[in-house]
N, C-alpha and C. Protein backbone atom coordinates (compact mmCIF):
# COMPACT_ATOMS: atom_id res chain seq x y z
N MET A 1 -78.07 7.56 18.59
CA MET A 1 -76.63 7.92 19.36
C MET A 1 -75.69 7.12 19.04
N THR A 2 -73.67 7.99 18.99
CA THR A 2 -73.25 8.14 18.38
C THR A 2 -72.28 6.93 19.30
N PRO A 3 -71.54 6.16 18.80
CA PRO A 3 -70.48 5.17 19.55
C PRO A 3 -68.86 5.85 20.00
N ARG A 4 -68.76 5.93 21.91
CA ARG A 4 -67.73 6.81 22.11
C ARG A 4 -66.64 5.51 22.04
N ILE A 5 -65.88 6.38 21.65
CA ILE A 5 -64.39 5.40 20.92
C ILE A 5 -63.10 6.44 22.25
N ALA A 6 -63.00 4.94 22.79
CA ALA A 6 -62.49 5.80 23.85
C ALA A 6 -60.88 5.66 23.80
N SER A 7 -60.75 6.80 23.93
CA SER A 7 -59.01 6.77 23.37
C SER A 7 -57.30 6.74 24.94
N ARG A 8 -57.22 5.77 24.27
CA ARG A 8 -56.17 4.93 24.94
C ARG A 8 -55.01 5.64 25.01
N ASN A 9 -54.05 5.41 25.59
CA ASN A 9 -53.03 6.04 25.63
C ASN A 9 -52.13 5.05 25.92
N LEU A 10 -51.63 4.98 24.42
CA LEU A 10 -50.56 3.90 24.25
C LEU A 10 -48.92 3.54 25.62
N VAL A 11 -48.42 5.40 25.09
CA VAL A 11 -47.59 5.30 25.13
C VAL A 11 -46.72 4.01 26.76
N LEU A 12 -48.12 4.74 27.71
CA LEU A 12 -48.53 4.67 29.29
C LEU A 12 -48.67 2.85 29.74
N ASP A 13 -49.77 2.17 28.55
CA ASP A 13 -50.07 1.45 28.62
C ASP A 13 -49.12 0.00 28.66
N ASP A 14 -49.06 -0.62 29.66
CA ASP A 14 -47.74 -1.50 29.35
C ASP A 14 -47.52 -2.42 30.09
N ARG A 15 -49.42 -2.89 29.17
CA ARG A 15 -49.66 -4.47 29.80
C ARG A 15 -49.18 -5.27 29.28
N ALA A 16 -48.95 -5.08 27.78
CA ALA A 16 -48.85 -5.98 26.64
C ALA A 16 -47.63 -6.32 26.40
N VAL A 17 -46.70 -5.78 27.65
CA VAL A 17 -45.01 -5.78 27.43
C VAL A 17 -44.08 -6.53 28.96
N SER A 18 -43.85 -7.57 28.56
CA SER A 18 -43.48 -8.62 29.26
C SER A 18 -42.44 -8.75 29.59
N LEU A 19 -41.76 -8.84 30.43
CA LEU A 19 -40.32 -8.58 31.30
C LEU A 19 -39.04 -9.61 29.63
N SER A 20 -39.46 -10.35 29.13
CA SER A 20 -38.73 -11.67 28.08
C SER A 20 -38.89 -10.28 27.05
N VAL A 21 -39.79 -10.17 26.45
CA VAL A 21 -39.38 -9.24 25.45
C VAL A 21 -39.16 -7.88 25.10
N GLY A 22 -38.95 -7.48 26.41
CA GLY A 22 -37.71 -5.82 26.29
C GLY A 22 -36.30 -6.87 26.68
N PHE A 23 -36.14 -7.61 28.09
CA PHE A 23 -34.66 -8.44 27.38
C PHE A 23 -34.36 -8.74 26.32
N ILE A 24 -34.95 -9.50 25.43
CA ILE A 24 -34.36 -9.91 24.22
C ILE A 24 -34.63 -8.42 23.16
N LEU A 25 -35.01 -7.63 23.00
CA LEU A 25 -35.12 -6.85 22.33
C LEU A 25 -33.87 -6.10 23.00
N THR A 26 -33.53 -5.27 24.20
CA THR A 26 -32.22 -5.09 24.61
C THR A 26 -30.95 -6.08 24.16
N LEU A 27 -30.69 -6.92 24.33
CA LEU A 27 -30.00 -8.18 23.81
C LEU A 27 -30.00 -8.23 22.29
N THR A 28 -30.43 -8.45 21.37
CA THR A 28 -30.52 -7.47 20.01
C THR A 28 -29.82 -6.21 19.53
N ILE A 29 -30.53 -5.12 19.90
CA ILE A 29 -30.06 -4.15 19.72
C ILE A 29 -28.16 -3.45 20.25
N THR A 30 -27.80 -4.43 21.77
CA THR A 30 -26.68 -4.36 22.38
C THR A 30 -25.43 -5.30 21.36
N VAL A 31 -26.29 -6.47 20.88
CA VAL A 31 -25.10 -7.92 20.25
C VAL A 31 -24.56 -6.44 18.71
N ILE A 32 -25.24 -5.97 17.70
CA ILE A 32 -25.57 -5.81 16.82
C ILE A 32 -25.15 -4.39 16.74
N ALA A 33 -25.19 -3.75 17.33
CA ALA A 33 -23.68 -2.52 18.20
C ALA A 33 -22.98 -3.08 18.90
N THR A 34 -22.52 -3.67 18.88
CA THR A 34 -20.94 -4.23 19.19
C THR A 34 -20.68 -4.74 17.76
N ILE A 35 -21.32 -5.64 16.85
CA ILE A 35 -20.69 -6.46 15.66
C ILE A 35 -20.23 -5.18 14.87
N VAL A 36 -21.25 -4.02 15.10
CA VAL A 36 -21.04 -2.46 14.30
C VAL A 36 -19.43 -1.97 14.26
N LEU A 37 -19.54 -1.94 15.75
CA LEU A 37 -18.46 -1.36 16.36
C LEU A 37 -17.52 -1.79 16.06
N ILE A 38 -17.25 -3.33 15.72
CA ILE A 38 -16.01 -4.21 15.85
C ILE A 38 -15.77 -4.69 14.49
N ASN A 39 -16.90 -4.09 13.47
CA ASN A 39 -16.46 -3.88 12.51
C ASN A 39 -15.77 -2.84 12.14
N SER A 40 -16.47 -1.58 12.57
CA SER A 40 -15.38 -0.71 12.16
C SER A 40 -13.96 -0.92 12.98
N PHE A 41 -14.17 -1.09 13.92
CA PHE A 41 -12.07 -1.58 14.50
C PHE A 41 -11.49 -1.87 13.37
N TYR A 42 -12.04 -3.18 12.39
CA TYR A 42 -11.03 -3.59 11.77
C TYR A 42 -11.03 -3.31 10.47
N ALA A 43 -11.64 -2.48 9.77
CA ALA A 43 -11.74 -2.05 8.87
C ALA A 43 -10.21 -0.56 8.83
N LEU A 44 -10.44 -0.03 10.25
CA LEU A 44 -9.60 0.79 10.76
C LEU A 44 -8.32 0.88 10.60
N MET A 45 -7.99 -0.91 11.64
CA MET A 45 -6.87 -1.31 12.04
C MET A 45 -6.49 -2.19 10.48
N ASP A 46 -6.94 -1.99 9.18
CA ASP A 46 -7.49 -3.12 7.58
C ASP A 46 -6.29 -0.93 6.94
N ARG A 47 -7.22 -0.10 7.49
CA ARG A 47 -6.60 1.06 6.20
C ARG A 47 -5.56 1.27 7.32
N ALA A 48 -5.23 1.33 8.40
CA ALA A 48 -3.85 1.65 9.12
C ALA A 48 -2.53 0.90 8.15
N GLU A 49 -3.27 -0.76 8.31
CA GLU A 49 -2.13 -1.51 7.58
C GLU A 49 -1.58 -0.98 6.42
N HIS A 50 -1.97 -0.49 5.58
CA HIS A 50 -2.44 0.03 3.93
C HIS A 50 -1.88 1.04 3.87
N THR A 51 -1.87 2.43 5.34
CA THR A 51 -0.92 3.45 5.36
C THR A 51 0.05 3.24 4.94
N VAL A 52 1.11 2.40 6.53
CA VAL A 52 1.89 1.92 6.97
C VAL A 52 2.45 1.64 5.56
N MET A 53 1.66 0.22 4.76
CA MET A 53 2.13 0.54 2.94
C MET A 53 3.06 0.94 2.69
N ARG A 54 1.75 1.87 2.15
CA ARG A 54 2.02 2.42 1.53
C ARG A 54 3.22 3.45 1.71
N ASP A 55 3.56 4.12 2.53
CA ASP A 55 4.16 5.10 3.50
C ASP A 55 6.16 4.45 3.37
N GLU A 56 6.09 3.06 3.68
CA GLU A 56 7.46 2.91 3.36
C GLU A 56 7.54 2.13 1.84
N PHE A 57 6.64 1.86 1.37
CA PHE A 57 6.67 2.14 -0.30
C PHE A 57 7.47 3.20 -1.31
N GLU A 58 6.86 4.28 -0.69
CA GLU A 58 7.47 5.62 -1.01
C GLU A 58 8.86 6.16 -0.43
N ILE A 59 9.06 5.42 0.33
CA ILE A 59 10.24 6.02 1.26
C ILE A 59 11.51 5.21 1.12
N HIS A 60 11.43 3.32 0.74
CA HIS A 60 11.88 3.17 -0.02
C HIS A 60 11.85 3.13 -2.12
N GLY A 61 10.67 3.83 -2.59
CA GLY A 61 10.83 3.81 -4.23
C GLY A 61 11.64 5.13 -3.82
N ASN A 62 11.72 6.24 -3.23
CA ASN A 62 12.68 7.68 -3.35
C ASN A 62 14.18 7.61 -3.20
N ASP A 63 13.76 6.26 -2.40
CA ASP A 63 16.14 5.76 -1.75
C ASP A 63 16.33 5.24 -3.77
N ILE A 64 15.40 5.14 -4.14
CA ILE A 64 15.98 3.33 -5.20
C ILE A 64 16.12 4.57 -6.75
N SER A 65 14.94 5.62 -6.78
CA SER A 65 14.64 6.45 -7.34
C SER A 65 16.25 7.32 -7.39
N LEU A 66 15.86 7.93 -5.52
CA LEU A 66 17.39 8.63 -5.93
C LEU A 66 19.16 8.12 -6.49
N GLN A 67 18.49 6.88 -6.00
CA GLN A 67 20.11 5.92 -6.66
C GLN A 67 20.27 5.97 -8.11
N ILE A 68 19.15 5.62 -9.03
CA ILE A 68 18.75 6.09 -10.46
C ILE A 68 19.33 6.78 -11.10
N SER A 69 18.77 8.27 -9.96
CA SER A 69 20.14 9.43 -10.37
C SER A 69 20.82 10.01 -10.37
N ASN A 70 21.62 9.13 -9.66
CA ASN A 70 23.13 8.74 -9.03
C ASN A 70 23.86 8.02 -10.51
N ILE A 71 23.20 7.36 -10.61
CA ILE A 71 24.34 6.78 -11.24
C ILE A 71 24.29 7.13 -12.50
N ASP A 72 23.19 8.17 -12.68
CA ASP A 72 22.76 8.26 -14.29
C ASP A 72 23.58 9.57 -14.54
N THR A 73 23.95 10.05 -13.47
CA THR A 73 24.44 12.19 -12.89
C THR A 73 25.62 11.16 -13.29
N ALA A 74 26.60 10.39 -12.76
CA ALA A 74 28.05 9.61 -12.98
C ALA A 74 28.10 8.92 -14.73
N VAL A 75 27.40 8.34 -14.52
CA VAL A 75 27.51 8.47 -16.20
C VAL A 75 27.69 9.84 -17.53
N GLN A 76 26.81 10.55 -17.19
CA GLN A 76 26.60 11.08 -17.62
C GLN A 76 27.90 11.93 -17.72
N LEU A 77 28.65 12.41 -16.50
CA LEU A 77 29.40 12.91 -15.98
C LEU A 77 30.86 13.07 -16.77
N THR A 78 30.99 11.51 -16.80
CA THR A 78 32.10 10.81 -17.28
C THR A 78 31.88 10.34 -18.63
N ASN A 79 30.70 10.52 -19.00
CA ASN A 79 31.03 10.62 -20.74
C ASN A 79 30.95 12.17 -21.05
N ASN A 80 30.82 12.67 -20.55
CA ASN A 80 31.14 14.42 -21.11
C ASN A 80 32.07 14.69 -21.43
N THR A 81 33.09 14.33 -20.15
CA THR A 81 34.79 14.19 -20.21
C THR A 81 35.27 13.34 -20.80
N GLY A 82 35.04 13.03 -21.50
CA GLY A 82 36.13 12.42 -22.23
C GLY A 82 35.79 10.46 -21.62
N GLY A 83 35.79 10.55 -20.35
CA GLY A 83 35.75 9.16 -19.80
C GLY A 83 35.14 8.14 -20.30
N LYS A 84 35.27 7.02 -19.41
CA LYS A 84 34.81 5.25 -20.00
C LYS A 84 34.29 4.33 -18.86
N VAL A 85 32.72 4.16 -18.21
CA VAL A 85 32.58 3.46 -17.09
C VAL A 85 32.57 2.58 -17.43
N GLU A 86 33.68 1.85 -16.56
CA GLU A 86 34.34 0.49 -16.31
C GLU A 86 33.87 -0.32 -15.44
N ASN A 87 33.04 -0.53 -14.32
CA ASN A 87 31.49 -0.04 -13.73
C ASN A 87 30.94 -0.02 -12.90
N ILE A 88 29.71 0.52 -12.14
CA ILE A 88 29.10 0.77 -11.33
C ILE A 88 28.38 0.26 -10.71
N ALA A 89 27.60 -0.58 -9.62
CA ALA A 89 26.92 -1.31 -8.62
C ALA A 89 26.38 -0.18 -7.51
N TYR A 90 25.32 -0.87 -7.34
CA TYR A 90 24.52 0.35 -6.10
C TYR A 90 23.97 -1.10 -5.60
N GLN A 91 23.63 -1.75 -3.74
CA GLN A 91 23.26 -3.12 -3.84
C GLN A 91 22.20 -2.16 -3.01
N LEU A 92 20.71 -2.73 -3.28
CA LEU A 92 19.82 -2.88 -3.60
C LEU A 92 19.74 -3.42 -1.94
N THR A 93 18.92 -2.48 -0.01
CA THR A 93 18.62 -3.80 0.44
C THR A 93 16.94 -2.96 0.50
N LEU A 94 16.61 -4.44 0.77
CA LEU A 94 14.63 -4.21 0.80
C LEU A 94 14.37 -4.70 2.04
N PRO A 95 13.69 -4.84 2.57
CA PRO A 95 12.51 -5.40 3.83
C PRO A 95 12.31 -7.12 2.91
N ASP A 96 12.80 -8.49 4.19
CA ASP A 96 11.59 -9.46 3.29
C ASP A 96 9.85 -8.74 3.38
N THR A 97 9.67 -8.49 4.41
CA THR A 97 8.56 -8.08 4.25
C THR A 97 7.54 -6.11 4.87
N ILE A 98 7.02 -6.03 4.33
CA ILE A 98 6.50 -5.22 4.99
C ILE A 98 4.50 -4.86 5.32
N ALA A 99 4.74 -4.73 6.34
CA ALA A 99 3.78 -5.07 7.59
C ALA A 99 2.99 -6.15 7.54
N ASN A 100 4.66 -7.32 7.49
CA ASN A 100 3.57 -8.46 7.57
C ASN A 100 3.33 -9.06 6.24
N LYS A 101 3.43 -8.39 5.10
CA LYS A 101 3.28 -8.71 3.94
C LYS A 101 4.77 -8.71 3.10
N GLU A 102 4.22 -9.67 2.07
CA GLU A 102 5.37 -9.65 0.91
C GLU A 102 4.63 -8.56 -0.38
N TYR A 103 5.83 -8.64 -1.11
CA TYR A 103 5.77 -7.37 -1.74
C TYR A 103 6.59 -7.69 -3.36
N SER A 104 6.32 -6.42 -4.51
CA SER A 104 6.98 -6.19 -5.47
C SER A 104 7.43 -5.17 -5.79
N VAL A 105 7.79 -5.39 -6.49
CA VAL A 105 8.71 -3.72 -7.58
C VAL A 105 9.14 -3.74 -8.41
N GLU A 106 8.43 -3.21 -9.23
CA GLU A 106 8.38 -3.31 -10.76
C GLU A 106 9.24 -2.08 -10.82
N PHE A 107 9.81 -2.28 -12.35
CA PHE A 107 10.98 -1.50 -12.75
C PHE A 107 10.59 -1.70 -14.02
N SER A 108 9.81 -0.06 -14.55
CA SER A 108 9.43 0.40 -15.23
C SER A 108 10.14 1.39 -16.38
N ASP A 109 10.63 1.32 -17.88
CA ASP A 109 11.79 2.57 -18.32
C ASP A 109 9.41 3.89 -19.53
N HIS A 110 8.96 2.85 -19.72
CA HIS A 110 7.84 3.61 -20.52
C HIS A 110 6.24 3.62 -19.84
N PRO A 111 6.55 3.99 -18.63
CA PRO A 111 6.16 5.80 -18.24
C PRO A 111 8.17 5.47 -17.22
N LYS A 112 9.02 6.29 -17.29
CA LYS A 112 9.92 5.24 -16.05
C LYS A 112 9.37 5.84 -14.66
N GLU A 113 9.27 4.63 -13.92
CA GLU A 113 8.00 4.05 -12.81
C GLU A 113 8.62 3.53 -12.32
N ILE A 114 9.03 3.17 -11.33
CA ILE A 114 9.01 2.17 -9.35
C ILE A 114 7.56 1.27 -9.03
N ILE A 115 7.18 0.74 -9.08
CA ILE A 115 6.05 0.13 -8.68
C ILE A 115 5.88 -1.00 -8.08
N PHE A 116 6.18 -0.68 -6.25
CA PHE A 116 5.20 -1.53 -5.59
C PHE A 116 4.29 -1.42 -5.17
N GLU A 117 3.86 -2.95 -5.78
CA GLU A 117 2.48 -3.99 -5.39
C GLU A 117 2.88 -4.79 -3.90
N SER A 118 1.17 -5.00 -3.17
CA SER A 118 1.42 -6.29 -2.52
C SER A 118 -0.12 -6.32 -2.38
N GLU A 119 -0.36 -8.04 -2.05
CA GLU A 119 -1.67 -8.66 -2.94
C GLU A 119 -2.06 -8.18 -3.53
N GLU A 120 -1.73 -7.49 -4.63
CA GLU A 120 -2.39 -7.66 -5.78
C GLU A 120 -3.50 -6.60 -5.33
N ARG A 121 -3.30 -5.05 -4.62
CA ARG A 121 -4.47 -4.73 -4.25
C ARG A 121 -4.56 -3.41 -4.26
N GLU A 122 -5.18 -2.43 -5.54
CA GLU A 122 -4.98 -1.17 -5.26
C GLU A 122 -4.55 -0.52 -4.42
N GLU A 123 -5.12 -0.48 -2.97
CA GLU A 123 -5.16 0.31 -2.18
C GLU A 123 -2.75 0.17 -1.47
N THR A 124 -2.62 -0.55 -2.08
CA THR A 124 -1.65 -1.11 -1.55
C THR A 124 -0.14 -0.13 -3.10
N ARG A 125 -0.23 -0.04 -3.98
CA ARG A 125 0.48 0.17 -5.27
C ARG A 125 0.51 1.36 -5.11
N VAL A 126 2.36 1.65 -5.60
CA VAL A 126 2.78 2.87 -5.44
C VAL A 126 3.18 2.90 -6.72
N SER A 127 3.80 4.06 -6.45
CA SER A 127 3.99 3.87 -8.50
C SER A 127 4.69 5.65 -8.19
N VAL A 128 6.64 5.25 -8.53
CA VAL A 128 7.71 6.12 -8.07
C VAL A 128 8.16 6.56 -9.27
N SER A 129 8.32 7.25 -9.67
CA SER A 129 9.34 8.52 -10.33
C SER A 129 10.48 8.11 -10.82
N TYR A 130 11.16 8.73 -11.38
CA TYR A 130 12.08 8.54 -11.84
C TYR A 130 12.84 9.15 -12.56
N THR A 131 13.85 10.15 -12.89
CA THR A 131 14.35 10.65 -13.42
C THR A 131 16.13 9.84 -14.35
N THR A 132 15.86 9.90 -16.21
CA THR A 132 17.31 9.46 -16.01
C THR A 132 17.64 10.57 -18.24
N ARG A 133 18.48 11.20 -17.63
CA ARG A 133 19.18 11.29 -18.98
C ARG A 133 19.89 9.95 -20.12
N GLU A 134 21.11 9.72 -19.68
CA GLU A 134 21.87 9.21 -20.22
C GLU A 134 21.57 7.52 -20.20
N VAL A 135 20.71 6.89 -19.04
CA VAL A 135 20.70 5.50 -19.54
C VAL A 135 19.08 4.79 -19.15
N SER A 136 18.66 4.11 -19.43
CA SER A 136 17.75 3.65 -19.41
C SER A 136 17.98 2.60 -18.68
N ILE A 137 16.48 1.87 -17.56
CA ILE A 137 16.42 0.87 -17.18
C ILE A 137 16.19 -0.54 -18.50
N LYS A 138 16.57 -2.11 -17.47
CA LYS A 138 15.76 -3.13 -17.88
C LYS A 138 14.69 -3.00 -17.25
N PRO A 139 13.78 -3.14 -18.03
CA PRO A 139 11.95 -3.34 -17.42
C PRO A 139 12.77 -4.92 -16.37
N THR A 140 12.26 -4.98 -14.60
CA THR A 140 12.32 -5.95 -14.73
C THR A 140 11.14 -6.31 -13.09
N LYS A 141 11.08 -6.98 -12.80
CA LYS A 141 9.60 -7.45 -12.01
C LYS A 141 10.95 -7.70 -10.49
N ILE A 142 11.18 -7.88 -9.30
CA ILE A 142 11.17 -8.30 -8.51
C ILE A 142 10.45 -8.71 -6.75
N TYR A 143 11.12 -9.84 -5.97
CA TYR A 143 9.77 -9.34 -5.88
C TYR A 143 10.23 -10.83 -3.85
N SER A 144 9.88 -9.14 -2.94
CA SER A 144 10.46 -9.48 -1.65
C SER A 144 11.05 -11.41 -1.08
N GLY A 145 11.36 -11.22 -0.54
CA GLY A 145 12.58 -12.60 0.26
C GLY A 145 13.67 -12.88 -0.19
N SER A 146 14.54 -12.10 -1.16
CA SER A 146 15.84 -11.80 -0.18
C SER A 146 15.55 -10.34 -0.69
N SER A 147 17.07 -9.80 0.36
CA SER A 147 16.55 -8.93 1.53
C SER A 147 17.59 -7.73 -0.18
N ASP A 148 18.62 -9.01 -0.77
CA ASP A 148 19.86 -7.75 -1.53
C ASP A 148 19.54 -8.64 -2.29
N PHE A 149 20.06 -6.81 -3.32
CA PHE A 149 19.42 -6.87 -4.96
C PHE A 149 20.42 -5.91 -5.20
N ILE A 150 21.08 -6.12 -6.78
CA ILE A 150 22.03 -5.29 -6.84
C ILE A 150 21.06 -4.31 -7.84
N LEU A 151 22.11 -2.79 -7.83
CA LEU A 151 21.28 -2.32 -9.16
C LEU A 151 22.18 -2.40 -9.80
N HIS A 152 22.59 -2.69 -11.27
CA HIS A 152 24.40 -2.56 -11.81
C HIS A 152 24.21 -2.64 -13.88
N TYR A 153 24.69 -1.44 -13.66
CA TYR A 153 25.40 -0.71 -14.78
C TYR A 153 26.32 -1.12 -16.58
N ASN A 154 25.40 -2.38 -17.02
CA ASN A 154 25.76 -2.50 -18.17
C ASN A 154 26.16 -1.57 -19.01
N THR A 155 28.03 -1.66 -19.22
CA THR A 155 28.33 -0.43 -19.79
C THR A 155 28.13 -0.89 -22.10
N THR A 156 28.19 -2.04 -22.24
CA THR A 156 28.12 -2.49 -23.54
C THR A 156 26.67 -2.35 -24.07
N SER A 157 25.08 -2.85 -23.34
CA SER A 157 23.76 -1.94 -23.27
C SER A 157 23.02 -0.72 -23.08
N ASN A 158 23.94 -0.30 -22.19
CA ASN A 158 24.16 1.32 -21.65
C ASN A 158 22.96 1.47 -20.36
N MET A 159 23.06 -0.03 -20.37
CA MET A 159 21.04 -0.42 -19.35
C MET A 159 21.58 -0.31 -17.59
N LEU A 160 19.91 -0.29 -17.25
CA LEU A 160 20.06 0.20 -16.06
C LEU A 160 19.82 -1.42 -15.63
N GLU A 161 20.66 -2.90 -14.88
CA GLU A 161 19.97 -3.99 -14.66
C GLU A 161 20.29 -4.61 -12.74
N ILE A 162 18.64 -4.95 -12.24
CA ILE A 162 18.44 -5.14 -11.29
C ILE A 162 18.74 -6.82 -11.48
N CYS A 163 19.92 -7.38 -10.67
CA CYS A 163 19.79 -8.51 -10.27
C CYS A 163 19.49 -9.23 -8.90
């Protein structure tokens, strides 16, 4: 005679489940889901902050690039007509902070770029190109905090200097 194995329907058998085990499982799942949601929210906010910073950096970089081109064009036109440039200066007005963060601006002549960077993070690094034919730019790095800088053309060295 073969023994009969009674098949039990484990899905409907709730004799071993207590109210406290169910509550602990439900609470654990709720806490984990809440933590994941909060972390996602903070990551999204951090990404939005970096996007705002990059947009602001591009706006200011393009403005500076335009002014460099204007100074270069003025020097070129003056030299081509036989004149001599005595003094050209442009006031750069930059905000103290962008997205409540300090930043730096680096002017590079090779390659011809203006590099904005905050917190030394790649996510906030923006390079804006500029073109010049007549003048060079003195490689300089400035830091936010002082909102007014001067872009000055030095006639003896034929360079733009940032003071």
